[in-house]
């Protein structure tokens, strides 16, 4: 399993554990066997994108594609948030923080009054 896949799986595992969901319960909800989920979390197999999406949905996470040249900026924002003591799942970046209850609203929303369209 490649480094990026390992990082994504680590975030999924951390989210599952933070929500106190057992592997067997998550696997049942997603529609895969507990053994299959265990192999995914241990890095023995690389899950399909469809399986990753199903797992993420159950864990209330969003998988986002980021242009490769933007990855350093996303990681920097995530590191800065961690340094400031803000709670965010490991590797989740600023987008995950904004989705958390009580998080500050986004700095910009499309369609608001005063937008230059």
PDB file of N, CA and C in Angstrom:
ATOM      1  N   UNK A   1       0.861  -1.171   0.000  1.00  0.00           N
ATOM      2  CA  UNK A   1       0.000   0.000   0.000  1.00  0.00           C
ATOM      3  C   UNK A   1       0.901   1.225   0.000  1.00  0.00           C
ATOM      4  N   UNK A   2       0.595   2.176  -0.887  1.00  0.00           N
ATOM      5  CA  UNK A   2       1.396   3.385  -1.001  1.00  0.00           C
ATOM      6  C   UNK A   2       1.231   4.312   0.185  1.00  0.00           C
ATOM      7  N   UNK A   3       2.094   5.323   0.261  1.00  0.00           N
ATOM      8  CA  UNK A   3       2.083   6.259   1.375  1.00  0.00           C
ATOM      9  C   UNK A   3       0.793   7.028   1.525  1.00  0.00           C
ATOM     10  N   UNK A   4       0.220   7.480   0.410  1.00  0.00           N
ATOM     11  CA  UNK A   4      -1.029   8.243   0.467  1.00  0.00           C
ATOM     12  C   UNK A   4      -2.162   7.355   0.944  1.00  0.00           C
ATOM     13  N   UNK A   5      -2.243   6.143   0.395  1.00  0.00           N
ATOM     14  CA  UNK A   5      -3.294   5.208   0.816  1.00  0.00           C
ATOM     15  C   UNK A   5      -3.149   4.885   2.297  1.00  0.00           C
ATOM     16  N   UNK A   6      -1.917   4.695   2.746  1.00  0.00           N
ATOM     17  CA  UNK A   6      -1.668   4.395   4.162  1.00  0.00           C
ATOM     18  C   UNK A   6      -2.141   5.552   5.038  1.00  0.00           C
ATOM     19  N   UNK A   7      -1.889   6.779   4.579  1.00  0.00           N
ATOM     20  CA  UNK A   7      -2.313   7.966   5.340  1.00  0.00           C
ATOM     21  C   UNK A   7      -3.832   8.059   5.411  1.00  0.00           C
ATOM     22  N   UNK A   8      -4.506   7.804   4.286  1.00  0.00           N
ATOM     23  CA  UNK A   8      -5.974   7.846   4.259  1.00  0.00           C
ATOM     24  C   UNK A   8      -6.550   6.787   5.185  1.00  0.00           C
ATOM     25  N   UNK A   9      -6.016   5.573   5.103  1.00  0.00           N
ATOM     26  CA  UNK A   9      -6.496   4.486   5.949  1.00  0.00           C
ATOM     27  C   UNK A   9      -6.252   4.821   7.425  1.00  0.00           C
ATOM     28  N   UNK A  10      -5.137   5.464   7.729  1.00  0.00           N
ATOM     29  CA  UNK A  10      -4.861   5.878   9.107  1.00  0.00           C
ATOM     30  C   UNK A  10      -5.892   6.870   9.618  1.00  0.00           C
ATOM     31  N   UNK A  11      -6.301   7.802   8.759  1.00  0.00           N
ATOM     32  CA  UNK A  11      -7.334   8.779   9.137  1.00  0.00           C
ATOM     33  C   UNK A  11      -8.661   8.060   9.367  1.00  0.00           C
ATOM     34  N   UNK A  12      -8.992   7.121   8.484  1.00  0.00           N
ATOM     35  CA  UNK A  12     -10.243   6.378   8.646  1.00  0.00           C
ATOM     36  C   UNK A  12     -10.240   5.577   9.948  1.00  0.00           C
ATOM     37  N   UNK A  13      -9.120   4.914  10.234  1.00  0.00           N
ATOM     38  CA  UNK A  13      -9.022   4.124  11.471  1.00  0.00           C
ATOM     39  C   UNK A  13      -9.153   5.042  12.691  1.00  0.00           C
ATOM     40  N   UNK A  14      -8.458   6.172  12.674  1.00  0.00           N
ATOM     41  CA  UNK A  14      -8.528   7.109  13.800  1.00  0.00           C
ATOM     42  C   UNK A  14      -9.959   7.633  13.997  1.00  0.00           C
ATOM     43  N   UNK A  15     -10.647   7.910  12.891  1.00  0.00           N
ATOM     44  CA  UNK A  15     -12.034   8.383  12.985  1.00  0.00           C
ATOM     45  C   UNK A  15     -12.940   7.290  13.552  1.00  0.00           C
ATOM     46  N   UNK A  16     -12.728   6.053  13.114  1.00  0.00           N
ATOM     47  CA  UNK A  16     -13.525   4.931  13.637  1.00  0.00           C
ATOM     48  C   UNK A  16     -13.310   4.773  15.137  1.00  0.00           C
ATOM     49  N   UNK A  17     -12.051   4.835  15.554  1.00  0.00           N
ATOM     50  CA  UNK A  17     -11.740   4.683  16.975  1.00  0.00           C
ATOM     51  C   UNK A  17     -12.273   5.862  17.790  1.00  0.00           C
ATOM     52  N   UNK A  18     -12.194   7.074  17.233  1.00  0.00           N
ATOM     53  CA  UNK A  18     -12.698   8.260  17.938  1.00  0.00           C
ATOM     54  C   UNK A  18     -14.211   8.187  18.141  1.00  0.00           C
ATOM     55  N   UNK A  19     -14.899   7.550  17.198  1.00  0.00           N
ATOM     56  CA  UNK A  19     -16.347   7.392  17.310  1.00  0.00           C
ATOM     57  C   UNK A  19     -16.719   6.132  18.087  1.00  0.00           C
ATOM     58  N   UNK A  20     -15.706   5.408  18.545  1.00  0.00           N
ATOM     59  CA  UNK A  20     -15.898   4.188  19.326  1.00  0.00           C
ATOM     60  C   UNK A  20     -16.760   3.172  18.580  1.00  0.00           C
ATOM     61  N   UNK A  21     -16.427   2.990  17.295  1.00  0.00           N
ATOM     62  CA  UNK A  21     -17.122   2.008  16.458  1.00  0.00           C
ATOM     63  C   UNK A  21     -16.204   0.808  16.281  1.00  0.00           C
ATOM     64  N   UNK A  22     -16.724  -0.368  16.526  1.00  0.00           N
ATOM     65  CA  UNK A  22     -15.935  -1.594  16.351  1.00  0.00           C
ATOM     66  C   UNK A  22     -15.783  -1.897  14.868  1.00  0.00           C
ATOM     67  N   UNK A  23     -14.692  -2.553  14.522  1.00  0.00           N
ATOM     68  CA  UNK A  23     -14.456  -2.935  13.127  1.00  0.00           C
ATOM     69  C   UNK A  23     -15.625  -3.741  12.577  1.00  0.00           C
ATOM     70  N   UNK A  24     -16.122  -4.674  13.363  1.00  0.00           N
ATOM     71  CA  UNK A  24     -17.201  -5.545  12.882  1.00  0.00           C
ATOM     72  C   UNK A  24     -18.466  -4.745  12.582  1.00  0.00           C
ATOM     73  N   UNK A  25     -18.783  -3.756  13.409  1.00  0.00           N
ATOM     74  CA  UNK A  25     -19.973  -2.938  13.187  1.00  0.00           C
ATOM     75  C   UNK A  25     -19.814  -2.080  11.938  1.00  0.00           C
ATOM     76  N   UNK A  26     -18.634  -1.479  11.764  1.00  0.00           N
ATOM     77  CA  UNK A  26     -18.382  -0.666  10.572  1.00  0.00           C
ATOM     78  C   UNK A  26     -18.433  -1.531   9.324  1.00  0.00           C
ATOM     79  N   UNK A  27     -17.803  -2.681   9.375  1.00  0.00           N
ATOM     80  CA  UNK A  27     -17.788  -3.580   8.223  1.00  0.00           C
ATOM     81  C   UNK A  27     -19.214  -3.979   7.834  1.00  0.00           C
ATOM     82  N   UNK A  28     -20.028  -4.317   8.816  1.00  0.00           N
ATOM     83  CA  UNK A  28     -21.413  -4.702   8.550  1.00  0.00           C
ATOM     84  C   UNK A  28     -22.172  -3.550   7.884  1.00  0.00           C
ATOM     85  N   UNK A  29     -22.014  -2.343   8.397  1.00  0.00           N
ATOM     86  CA  UNK A  29     -22.709  -1.179   7.847  1.00  0.00           C
ATOM     87  C   UNK A  29     -22.260  -0.890   6.420  1.00  0.00           C
ATOM     88  N   UNK A  30     -20.977  -1.038   6.160  1.00  0.00           N
ATOM     89  CA  UNK A  30     -20.419  -0.763   4.832  1.00  0.00           C
ATOM     90  C   UNK A  30     -20.754  -1.884   3.851  1.00  0.00           C
ATOM     91  N   UNK A  31     -20.950  -3.100   4.359  1.00  0.00           N
ATOM     92  CA  UNK A  31     -21.261  -4.229   3.489  1.00  0.00           C
ATOM     93  C   UNK A  31     -20.046  -5.035   3.075  1.00  0.00           C
ATOM     94  N   UNK A  32     -19.019  -5.026   3.938  1.00  0.00           N
ATOM     95  CA  UNK A  32     -17.833  -5.843   3.703  1.00  0.00           C
ATOM     96  C   UNK A  32     -17.629  -6.722   4.926  1.00  0.00           C
ATOM     97  N   UNK A  33     -16.768  -7.720   4.794  1.00  0.00           N
ATOM     98  CA  UNK A  33     -16.520  -8.594   5.943  1.00  0.00           C
ATOM     99  C   UNK A  33     -15.592  -7.901   6.942  1.00  0.00           C
ATOM    100  N   UNK A  34     -15.713  -8.241   8.217  1.00  0.00           N
ATOM    101  CA  UNK A  34     -14.790  -7.692   9.214  1.00  0.00           C
ATOM    102  C   UNK A  34     -13.330  -8.005   8.873  1.00  0.00           C
ATOM    103  N   UNK A  35     -13.091  -9.196   8.312  1.00  0.00           N
ATOM    104  CA  UNK A  35     -11.716  -9.565   7.937  1.00  0.00           C
ATOM    105  C   UNK A  35     -11.192  -8.637   6.844  1.00  0.00           C
ATOM    106  N   UNK A  36     -12.052  -8.277   5.893  1.00  0.00           N
ATOM    107  CA  UNK A  36     -11.655  -7.374   4.811  1.00  0.00           C
ATOM    108  C   UNK A  36     -11.296  -5.996   5.376  1.00  0.00           C
ATOM    109  N   UNK A  37     -12.135  -5.485   6.283  1.00  0.00           N
ATOM    110  CA  UNK A  37     -11.839  -4.188   6.906  1.00  0.00           C
ATOM    111  C   UNK A  37     -10.548  -4.258   7.710  1.00  0.00           C
ATOM    112  N   UNK A  38     -10.330  -5.354   8.402  1.00  0.00           N
ATOM    113  CA  UNK A  38      -9.097  -5.520   9.169  1.00  0.00           C
ATOM    114  C   UNK A  38      -7.875  -5.482   8.249  1.00  0.00           C
ATOM    115  N   UNK A  39      -7.957  -6.150   7.100  1.00  0.00           N
ATOM    116  CA  UNK A  39      -6.837  -6.136   6.147  1.00  0.00           C
ATOM    117  C   UNK A  39      -6.614  -4.732   5.580  1.00  0.00           C
ATOM    118  N   UNK A  40      -7.696  -3.989   5.377  1.00  0.00           N
ATOM    119  CA  UNK A  40      -7.560  -2.607   4.897  1.00  0.00           C
ATOM    120  C   UNK A  40      -6.837  -1.768   5.948  1.00  0.00           C
ATOM    121  N   UNK A  41      -7.319  -1.820   7.198  1.00  0.00           N
ATOM    122  CA  UNK A  41      -6.733  -1.005   8.266  1.00  0.00           C
ATOM    123  C   UNK A  41      -5.295  -1.392   8.591  1.00  0.00           C
ATOM    124  N   UNK A  42      -4.938  -2.652   8.371  1.00  0.00           N
ATOM    125  CA  UNK A  42      -3.567  -3.081   8.668  1.00  0.00           C
ATOM    126  C   UNK A  42      -2.625  -2.850   7.487  1.00  0.00           C
ATOM    127  N   UNK A  43      -3.164  -2.384   6.356  1.00  0.00           N
ATOM    128  CA  UNK A  43      -2.326  -2.086   5.201  1.00  0.00           C
ATOM    129  C   UNK A  43      -1.980  -3.300   4.355  1.00  0.00           C
ATOM    130  N   UNK A  44      -2.644  -4.416   4.594  1.00  0.00           N
ATOM    131  CA  UNK A  44      -2.353  -5.625   3.820  1.00  0.00           C
ATOM    132  C   UNK A  44      -2.958  -5.576   2.422  1.00  0.00           C
ATOM    133  N   UNK A  45      -4.062  -4.830   2.276  1.00  0.00           N
ATOM    134  CA  UNK A  45      -4.674  -4.653   0.962  1.00  0.00           C
ATOM    135  C   UNK A  45      -5.026  -3.185   0.759  1.00  0.00           C
ATOM    136  N   UNK A  46      -5.094  -2.782  -0.489  1.00  0.00           N
ATOM    137  CA  UNK A  46      -5.501  -1.425  -0.831  1.00  0.00           C
ATOM    138  C   UNK A  46      -6.974  -1.455  -1.201  1.00  0.00           C
ATOM    139  N   UNK A  47      -7.798  -0.689  -0.496  1.00  0.00           N
ATOM    140  CA  UNK A  47      -9.232  -0.710  -0.797  1.00  0.00           C
ATOM    141  C   UNK A  47      -9.536   0.005  -2.110  1.00  0.00           C
ATOM    142  N   UNK A  48     -10.670  -0.342  -2.698  1.00  0.00           N
ATOM    143  CA  UNK A  48     -11.118   0.373  -3.891  1.00  0.00           C
ATOM    144  C   UNK A  48     -11.626   1.750  -3.461  1.00  0.00           C
ATOM    145  N   UNK A  49     -11.722   2.651  -4.415  1.00  0.00           N
ATOM    146  CA  UNK A  49     -12.242   3.987  -4.121  1.00  0.00           C
ATOM    147  C   UNK A  49     -13.680   3.891  -3.615  1.00  0.00           C
ATOM    148  N   UNK A  50     -14.469   2.983  -4.192  1.00  0.00           N
ATOM    149  CA  UNK A  50     -15.862   2.822  -3.756  1.00  0.00           C
ATOM    150  C   UNK A  50     -15.928   2.406  -2.283  1.00  0.00           C
ATOM    151  N   UNK A  51     -15.058   1.485  -1.884  1.00  0.00           N
ATOM    152  CA  UNK A  51     -15.041   1.048  -0.483  1.00  0.00           C
ATOM    153  C   UNK A  51     -14.593   2.176   0.432  1.00  0.00           C
ATOM    154  N   UNK A  52     -13.569   2.922   0.007  1.00  0.00           N
ATOM    155  CA  UNK A  52     -13.125   4.076   0.800  1.00  0.00           C
ATOM    156  C   UNK A  52     -14.256   5.078   0.981  1.00  0.00           C
ATOM    157  N   UNK A  53     -14.992   5.347  -0.083  1.00  0.00           N
ATOM    158  CA  UNK A  53     -16.100   6.304  -0.003  1.00  0.00           C
ATOM    159  C   UNK A  53     -17.179   5.812   0.953  1.00  0.00           C
ATOM    160  N   UNK A  54     -17.501   4.535   0.903  1.00  0.00           N
ATOM    161  CA  UNK A  54     -18.519   3.986   1.796  1.00  0.00           C
ATOM    162  C   UNK A  54     -18.080   4.093   3.254  1.00  0.00           C
ATOM    163  N   UNK A  55     -16.837   3.742   3.524  1.00  0.00           N
ATOM    164  CA  UNK A  55     -16.314   3.825   4.889  1.00  0.00           C
ATOM    165  C   UNK A  55     -16.334   5.279   5.359  1.00  0.00           C
ATOM    166  N   UNK A  56     -15.872   6.189   4.508  1.00  0.00           N
ATOM    167  CA  UNK A  56     -15.832   7.613   4.867  1.00  0.00           C
ATOM    168  C   UNK A  56     -17.230   8.142   5.173  1.00  0.00           C
ATOM    169  N   UNK A  57     -18.212   7.777   4.367  1.00  0.00           N
ATOM    170  CA  UNK A  57     -19.586   8.235   4.601  1.00  0.00           C
ATOM    171  C   UNK A  57     -20.099   7.790   5.965  1.00  0.00           C
ATOM    172  N   UNK A  58     -19.874   6.530   6.299  1.00  0.00           N
ATOM    173  CA  UNK A  58     -20.339   6.007   7.584  1.00  0.00           C
ATOM    174  C   UNK A  58     -19.665   6.757   8.731  1.00  0.00           C
ATOM    175  N   UNK A  59     -18.408   7.132   8.541  1.00  0.00           N
ATOM    176  CA  UNK A  59     -17.658   7.834   9.592  1.00  0.00           C
ATOM    177  C   UNK A  59     -17.850   9.346   9.536  1.00  0.00           C
ATOM    178  N   UNK A  60     -18.736   9.811   8.664  1.00  0.00           N
ATOM    179  CA  UNK A  60     -19.039  11.233   8.498  1.00  0.00           C
ATOM    180  C   UNK A  60     -17.801  12.028   8.077  1.00  0.00           C
ATOM    181  N   UNK A  61     -17.052  11.453   7.124  1.00  0.00           N
ATOM    182  CA  UNK A  61     -15.877  12.095   6.560  1.00  0.00           C
ATOM    183  C   UNK A  61     -16.105  12.318   5.071  1.00  0.00           C
ATOM    184  N   UNK A  62     -15.330  13.187   4.484  1.00  0.00           N
ATOM    185  CA  UNK A  62     -15.403  13.454   3.054  1.00  0.00           C
ATOM    186  C   UNK A  62     -14.031  13.214   2.450  1.00  0.00           C
ATOM    187  N   UNK A  63     -13.994  12.441   1.370  1.00  0.00           N
ATOM    188  CA  UNK A  63     -12.744  12.237   0.642  1.00  0.00           C
ATOM    189  C   UNK A  63     -12.697  13.299  -0.451  1.00  0.00           C
ATOM    190  N   UNK A  64     -11.633  14.071  -0.456  1.00  0.00           N
ATOM    191  CA  UNK A  64     -11.509  15.151  -1.426  1.00  0.00           C
ATOM    192  C   UNK A  64     -10.243  14.962  -2.244  1.00  0.00           C
ATOM    193  N   UNK A  65     -10.341  15.261  -3.529  1.00  0.00           N
ATOM    194  CA  UNK A  65      -9.162  15.235  -4.381  1.00  0.00           C
ATOM    195  C   UNK A  65      -8.562  16.629  -4.392  1.00  0.00           C
ATOM    196  N   UNK A  66      -7.269  16.697  -4.116  1.00  0.00           N
ATOM    197  CA  UNK A  66      -6.547  17.963  -4.057  1.00  0.00           C
ATOM    198  C   UNK A  66      -5.491  17.939  -5.153  1.00  0.00           C
ATOM    199  N   UNK A  67      -5.417  18.990  -5.964  1.00  0.00           N
ATOM    200  CA  UNK A  67      -4.356  19.014  -6.980  1.00  0.00           C
ATOM    201  C   UNK A  67      -2.988  18.810  -6.321  1.00  0.00           C
ATOM    202  N   UNK A  68      -2.158  17.995  -6.958  1.00  0.00           N
ATOM    203  CA  UNK A  68      -0.869  17.616  -6.384  1.00  0.00           C
ATOM    204  C   UNK A  68      -0.058  18.837  -5.939  1.00  0.00           C
ATOM    205  N   UNK A  69      -0.060  19.919  -6.736  1.00  0.00           N
ATOM    206  CA  UNK A  69       0.740  21.094  -6.363  1.00  0.00           C
ATOM    207  C   UNK A  69       0.188  21.792  -5.115  1.00  0.00           C
ATOM    208  N   UNK A  70      -1.065  21.499  -4.731  1.00  0.00           N
ATOM    209  CA  UNK A  70      -1.651  22.117  -3.539  1.00  0.00           C
ATOM    210  C   UNK A  70      -1.426  21.313  -2.268  1.00  0.00           C
ATOM    211  N   UNK A  71      -0.964  20.095  -2.391  1.00  0.00           N
ATOM    212  CA  UNK A  71      -0.777  19.230  -1.227  1.00  0.00           C
ATOM    213  C   UNK A  71       0.120  19.875  -0.168  1.00  0.00           C
ATOM    214  N   UNK A  72       1.265  20.487  -0.529  1.00  0.00           N
ATOM    215  CA  UNK A  72       2.080  21.124   0.523  1.00  0.00           C
ATOM    216  C   UNK A  72       1.326  22.212   1.295  1.00  0.00           C
ATOM    217  N   UNK A  73       0.490  22.977   0.617  1.00  0.00           N
ATOM    218  CA  UNK A  73      -0.272  24.029   1.295  1.00  0.00           C
ATOM    219  C   UNK A  73      -1.303  23.423   2.238  1.00  0.00           C
ATOM    220  N   UNK A  74      -1.968  22.365   1.815  1.00  0.00           N
ATOM    221  CA  UNK A  74      -2.952  21.693   2.673  1.00  0.00           C
ATOM    222  C   UNK A  74      -2.265  21.122   3.904  1.00  0.00           C
ATOM    223  N   UNK A  75      -1.113  20.494   3.708  1.00  0.00           N
ATOM    224  CA  UNK A  75      -0.371  19.938   4.854  1.00  0.00           C
ATOM    225  C   UNK A  75       0.105  21.042   5.790  1.00  0.00           C
ATOM    226  N   UNK A  76       0.505  22.174   5.240  1.00  0.00           N
ATOM    227  CA  UNK A  76       0.954  23.287   6.075  1.00  0.00           C
ATOM    228  C   UNK A  76      -0.198  23.805   6.929  1.00  0.00           C
ATOM    229  N   UNK A  77      -1.388  23.916   6.338  1.00  0.00           N
ATOM    230  CA  UNK A  77      -2.551  24.361   7.110  1.00  0.00           C
ATOM    231  C   UNK A  77      -2.869  23.378   8.212  1.00  0.00           C
ATOM    232  N   UNK A  78      -2.778  22.089   7.913  1.00  0.00           N
ATOM    233  CA  UNK A  78      -3.046  21.068   8.913  1.00  0.00           C
ATOM    234  C   UNK A  78      -2.027  21.143  10.041  1.00  0.00           C
ATOM    235  N   UNK A  79      -0.760  21.303   9.692  1.00  0.00           N
ATOM    236  CA  UNK A  79       0.303  21.403  10.706  1.00  0.00           C
ATOM    237  C   UNK A  79       0.130  22.645  11.563  1.00  0.00           C
ATOM    238  N   UNK A  80      -0.232  23.757  10.929  1.00  0.00           N
ATOM    239  CA  UNK A  80      -0.435  25.010  11.666  1.00  0.00           C
ATOM    240  C   UNK A  80      -1.595  24.853  12.648  1.00  0.00           C
ATOM    241  N   UNK A  81      -2.672  24.191  12.232  1.00  0.00           N
ATOM    242  CA  UNK A  81      -3.814  23.964  13.112  1.00  0.00           C
ATOM    243  C   UNK A  81      -3.413  23.132  14.316  1.00  0.00           C
ATOM    244  N   UNK A  82      -2.633  22.090  14.068  1.00  0.00           N
ATOM    245  CA  UNK A  82      -2.174  21.241  15.175  1.00  0.00           C
ATOM    246  C   UNK A  82      -1.289  22.033  16.129  1.00  0.00           C
ATOM    247  N   UNK A  83      -0.411  22.887  15.587  1.00  0.00           N
ATOM    248  CA  UNK A  83       0.493  23.682  16.417  1.00  0.00           C
ATOM    249  C   UNK A  83      -0.283  24.668  17.287  1.00  0.00           C
ATOM    250  N   UNK A  84      -1.442  25.124  16.783  1.00  0.00           N
ATOM    251  CA  UNK A  84      -2.267  26.072  17.536  1.00  0.00           C
ATOM    252  C   UNK A  84      -3.195  25.379  18.521  1.00  0.00           C
ATOM    253  N   UNK A  85      -3.093  24.050  18.600  1.00  0.00           N
ATOM    254  CA  UNK A  85      -3.904  23.310  19.547  1.00  0.00           C
ATOM    255  C   UNK A  85      -5.329  23.068  19.099  1.00  0.00           C
ATOM    256  N   UNK A  86      -5.612  23.299  17.821  1.00  0.00           N
ATOM    257  CA  UNK A  86      -6.961  23.066  17.316  1.00  0.00           C
ATOM    258  C   UNK A  86      -7.140  21.570  17.093  1.00  0.00           C
ATOM    259  N   UNK A  87      -8.311  21.065  17.408  1.00  0.00           N
ATOM    260  CA  UNK A  87      -8.590  19.642  17.241  1.00  0.00           C
ATOM    261  C   UNK A  87      -8.933  19.327  15.793  1.00  0.00           C
ATOM    262  N   UNK A  88      -8.230  18.374  15.227  1.00  0.00           N
ATOM    263  CA  UNK A  88      -8.524  17.883  13.876  1.00  0.00           C
ATOM    264  C   UNK A  88      -7.975  16.476  13.763  1.00  0.00           C
ATOM    265  N   UNK A  89      -8.673  15.596  13.067  1.00  0.00           N
ATOM    266  CA  UNK A  89      -8.144  14.246  12.874  1.00  0.00           C
ATOM    267  C   UNK A  89      -6.805  14.308  12.157  1.00  0.00           C
ATOM    268  N   UNK A  90      -5.876  13.404  12.451  1.00  0.00           N
ATOM    269  CA  UNK A  90      -4.566  13.460  11.817  1.00  0.00           C
ATOM    270  C   UNK A  90      -4.661  13.402  10.306  1.00  0.00           C
ATOM    271  N   UNK A  91      -3.991  14.346   9.647  1.00  0.00           N
ATOM    272  CA  UNK A  91      -3.958  14.375   8.198  1.00  0.00           C
ATOM    273  C   UNK A  91      -5.216  14.899   7.547  1.00  0.00           C
ATOM    274  N   UNK A  92      -6.189  15.338   8.321  1.00  0.00           N
ATOM    275  CA  UNK A  92      -7.465  15.725   7.731  1.00  0.00           C
ATOM    276  C   UNK A  92      -7.448  17.125   7.142  1.00  0.00           C
ATOM    277  N   UNK A  93      -6.583  18.001   7.623  1.00  0.00           N
ATOM    278  CA  UNK A  93      -6.495  19.339   7.056  1.00  0.00           C
ATOM    279  C   UNK A  93      -7.619  20.254   7.510  1.00  0.00           C
ATOM    280  N   UNK A  94      -7.624  21.454   6.970  1.00  0.00           N
ATOM    281  CA  UNK A  94      -8.570  22.495   7.361  1.00  0.00           C
ATOM    282  C   UNK A  94     -10.019  22.138   7.024  1.00  0.00           C
ATOM    283  N   UNK A  95     -10.272  21.437   5.949  1.00  0.00           N
ATOM    284  CA  UNK A  95     -11.638  21.094   5.563  1.00  0.00           C
ATOM    285  C   UNK A  95     -12.336  20.294   6.652  1.00  0.00           C
ATOM    286  N   UNK A  96     -11.629  19.379   7.289  1.00  0.00           N
ATOM    287  CA  UNK A  96     -12.234  18.579   8.354  1.00  0.00           C
ATOM    288  C   UNK A  96     -12.545  19.433   9.568  1.00  0.00           C
ATOM    289  N   UNK A  97     -11.695  20.400   9.865  1.00  0.00           N
ATOM    290  CA  UNK A  97     -11.946  21.271  11.013  1.00  0.00           C
ATOM    291  C   UNK A  97     -13.229  22.059  10.824  1.00  0.00           C
ATOM    292  N   UNK A  98     -13.461  22.550   9.603  1.00  0.00           N
ATOM    293  CA  UNK A  98     -14.639  23.353   9.336  1.00  0.00           C
ATOM    294  C   UNK A  98     -15.916  22.526   9.435  1.00  0.00           C
ATOM    295  N   UNK A  99     -15.810  21.238   9.257  1.00  0.00           N
ATOM    296  CA  UNK A  99     -16.983  20.377   9.331  1.00  0.00           C
ATOM    297  C   UNK A  99     -17.338  20.018  10.774  1.00  0.00           C
ATOM    298  N   UNK A 100     -16.470  20.313  11.722  1.00  0.00           N
ATOM    299  CA  UNK A 100     -16.706  19.961  13.114  1.00  0.00           C
ATOM    300  C   UNK A 100     -17.726  20.918  13.742  1.00  0.00           C
ATOM    301  N   UNK A 101     -18.599  20.402  14.612  1.00  0.00           N
ATOM    302  CA  UNK A 101     -19.531  21.281  15.314  1.00  0.00           C
ATOM    303  C   UNK A 101     -18.767  22.324  16.123  1.00  0.00           C
ATOM    304  N   UNK A 102     -19.231  23.533  16.081  1.00  0.00           N
ATOM    305  CA  UNK A 102     -18.595  24.612  16.830  1.00  0.00           C
ATOM    306  C   UNK A 102     -17.392  25.225  16.139  1.00  0.00           C
ATOM    307  N   UNK A 103     -17.038  24.734  14.954  1.00  0.00           N
ATOM    308  CA  UNK A 103     -15.896  25.279  14.211  1.00  0.00           C
ATOM    309  C   UNK A 103     -16.285  26.621  13.610  1.00  0.00           C
ATOM    310  N   UNK A 104     -15.310  27.487  13.359  1.00  0.00           N
ATOM    311  CA  UNK A 104     -15.627  28.783  12.765  1.00  0.00           C
ATOM    312  C   UNK A 104     -16.188  28.603  11.360  1.00  0.00           C
ATOM    313  N   UNK A 105     -17.037  29.528  10.928  1.00  0.00           N
ATOM    314  CA  UNK A 105     -17.606  29.407   9.582  1.00  0.00           C
ATOM    315  C   UNK A 105     -16.536  29.643   8.530  1.00  0.00           C
ATOM    316  N   UNK A 106     -16.763  29.153   7.307  1.00  0.00           N
ATOM    317  CA  UNK A 106     -15.799  29.397   6.233  1.00  0.00           C
ATOM    318  C   UNK A 106     -15.634  30.891   5.993  1.00  0.00           C
ATOM    319  N   UNK A 107     -14.463  31.293   5.541  1.00  0.00           N
ATOM    320  CA  UNK A 107     -14.192  32.707   5.294  1.00  0.00           C
ATOM    321  C   UNK A 107     -14.964  33.223   4.091  1.00  0.00           C
ATOM    322  N   UNK A 108     -15.380  32.342   3.201  1.00  0.00           N
ATOM    323  CA  UNK A 108     -16.049  32.773   1.995  1.00  0.00           C
ATOM    324  C   UNK A 108     -17.060  31.723   1.580  1.00  0.00           C
ATOM    325  N   UNK A 109     -18.240  32.161   1.203  1.00  0.00           N
ATOM    326  CA  UNK A 109     -19.273  31.261   0.691  1.00  0.00           C
ATOM    327  C   UNK A 109     -19.789  31.820  -0.619  1.00  0.00           C
ATOM    328  N   UNK A 110     -19.965  30.956  -1.582  1.00  0.00           N
ATOM    329  CA  UNK A 110     -20.514  31.382  -2.858  1.00  0.00           C
ATOM    330  C   UNK A 110     -21.977  31.768  -2.692  1.00  0.00           C
ATOM    331  N   UNK A 111     -22.390  32.757  -3.425  1.00  0.00           N
ATOM    332  CA  UNK A 111     -23.793  33.121  -3.453  1.00  0.00           C
ATOM    333  C   UNK A 111     -24.215  34.068  -2.332  1.00  0.00           C
ATOM    334  N   UNK A 112     -23.300  34.561  -1.534  1.00  0.00           N
ATOM    335  CA  UNK A 112     -23.680  35.499  -0.482  1.00  0.00           C
ATOM    336  C   UNK A 112     -23.760  36.896  -1.040  1.00  0.00           C
ATOM    337  N   UNK A 113     -24.466  37.729  -0.350  1.00  0.00           N
ATOM    338  CA  UNK A 113     -24.596  39.113  -0.763  1.00  0.00           C
ATOM    339  C   UNK A 113     -23.226  39.762  -0.850  1.00  0.00           C
ATOM    340  N   UNK A 114     -23.020  40.537  -1.906  1.00  0.00           N
ATOM    341  CA  UNK A 114     -21.739  41.212  -2.075  1.00  0.00           C
ATOM    342  C   UNK A 114     -20.740  40.430  -2.893  1.00  0.00           C
ATOM    343  N   UNK A 115     -21.104  39.216  -3.346  1.00  0.00           N
ATOM    344  CA  UNK A 115     -20.197  38.435  -4.182  1.00  0.00           C
ATOM    345  C   UNK A 115     -20.051  39.092  -5.531  1.00  0.00           C
ATOM    346  N   UNK A 116     -18.859  39.098  -6.037  1.00  0.00           N
ATOM    347  CA  UNK A 116     -18.613  39.577  -7.398  1.00  0.00           C
ATOM    348  C   UNK A 116     -18.709  38.389  -8.321  1.00  0.00           C
ATOM    349  N   UNK A 117     -19.857  38.259  -8.994  1.00  0.00           N
ATOM    350  CA  UNK A 117     -20.030  37.085  -9.861  1.00  0.00           C
ATOM    351  C   UNK A 117     -19.590  37.365 -11.250  1.00  0.00           C
TER     352      UNK A 117
END
